[in-house]
Amino acid sequence: MFPKWFDKWNNENPTNIYGPAILIGVAGTAVTVAAFLVVVGQPFKTESLQSGPRGTGMSRPEFISDLAKPDPTIEVMYTEEPYAPEGGEAKASEIYQNVQVLGDLTEDNFNRLMSAMTDWVAPEQGCAYCHGDVDMEEYGNDDLYTKVVARRMIQMTQNINEGWDGHVNANKQVGVTCYTCHRGQNVPSDIWFKMGAVNEAAGGWAAVQNRVTVQSQYTSLPSDALETFLLDYGRIGVHNLEAHVAEYPNEDGVTTWQDTERTFSLMNYVSNSLGVNCVFCHNTRAFYDPEQVTPQWSTEQLGIGMVQEMNNDYLVPLEDVYPPERLGPVFADAPKAACKTCHKGYQQPLQGTNVIADWPELATTGAPVYE
């Protein structure tokens, strides 16, 4: 291909082309990667929330790419600004029959909220989900259990916003509505029922553990932790950290190994429910010292108290209202709530979106305040 004199000269004067080629290739790759990071961003960059003194391990790093992912249900959340009453309007209780709650609302705001509840809870069935396929003149009837339950759930929502502000709005004004739990579903996800013995090969204490269950978050930890702590007001705590202590499990106030494992089961559930780890609430240097916890620890304690009240005062008493197909498969008990029912893997439900701003009717058990 080339003249003989060129081939001869080239053989007598060899040139190392590999070194420059590698250098150019590396430089080109670096430029490409740099340009990609400038345009797209660093995919492994983290952001930390420091919740305690430096050096104590009290910080929670998260990938910024994960933080940027919105809860997909936020985009389809229905909201509508309220109609500020001018005064003198007829009340819903004066227009419609059997309005036991929300009766003091104006007709426009009452219908606005009813429309929203339909979208939040039964977007496919519409108004018929609670009222049945009847004429509007018959909407006052309580023939369907769904309407009776919905009425009680409105009261529960108002109570949460009014009585548990320290938990719900610990970081900022957020509030809760029906959508916080339902997300467009008739039955919220992540409800729970009593399970009883899950290990048929054992009896007593061993019967409630060593089987992977939803309640234990797919671990072999005790499956009755939610029942013990979020329904029966059990004492959350671990065994005595001192050795050779003169105490016995049958004594009042003594925390047993069983209590400890239930506590670990609950803590594992809470961690998964909020998408956080242990140091979100605890100090790794002094894990069991209540004086060295983070502010989030207090928020979580309020949350546990709130769920206990929800279950015992609002949800469990509806057991006789539900049809058999809505009750638990083992004990025919009413569906109950827990942390994940609202949080669904996020530190704050719906990533801290202020869902109550347009719904003052659900913010209080008293008269709503329209700004």
Foldseek 3Di string as FASTA:
>chain_A
DDDPVVVVVCVVPPDDPPVVVVVVVVVVVVVVVVVCCVVPNDQADWDKDAFADPPQPLIFIDGVVVVPDFDVLVVVQDFDFDDDDPPDAQFQCVVAPQCPARRRHHPRRVVVVLQNVCQLAPVPVGPCVQQNPDDPNRSNDRPALLVVLVVLVLVLQQCCLPPLCCQQAVPHQAGDDSNLQRSRHNHGPPWDDDDPFDQPVDDDLQRQFPAQDVCLVGHRFGSCLCVQVLAVVHDQDAADPDPPDPDDPVDPPGQDNNSRSSNVSVQVVLCQLAQTDQSNWARPVCGPDPVRTGPVVVSVVSQSVSQNCCVPPRFQVCLVSDDQVQADPPPRTTIGDDSNSRRVRHNHGSNRHRPCPRPQSSNHSDDGDRD
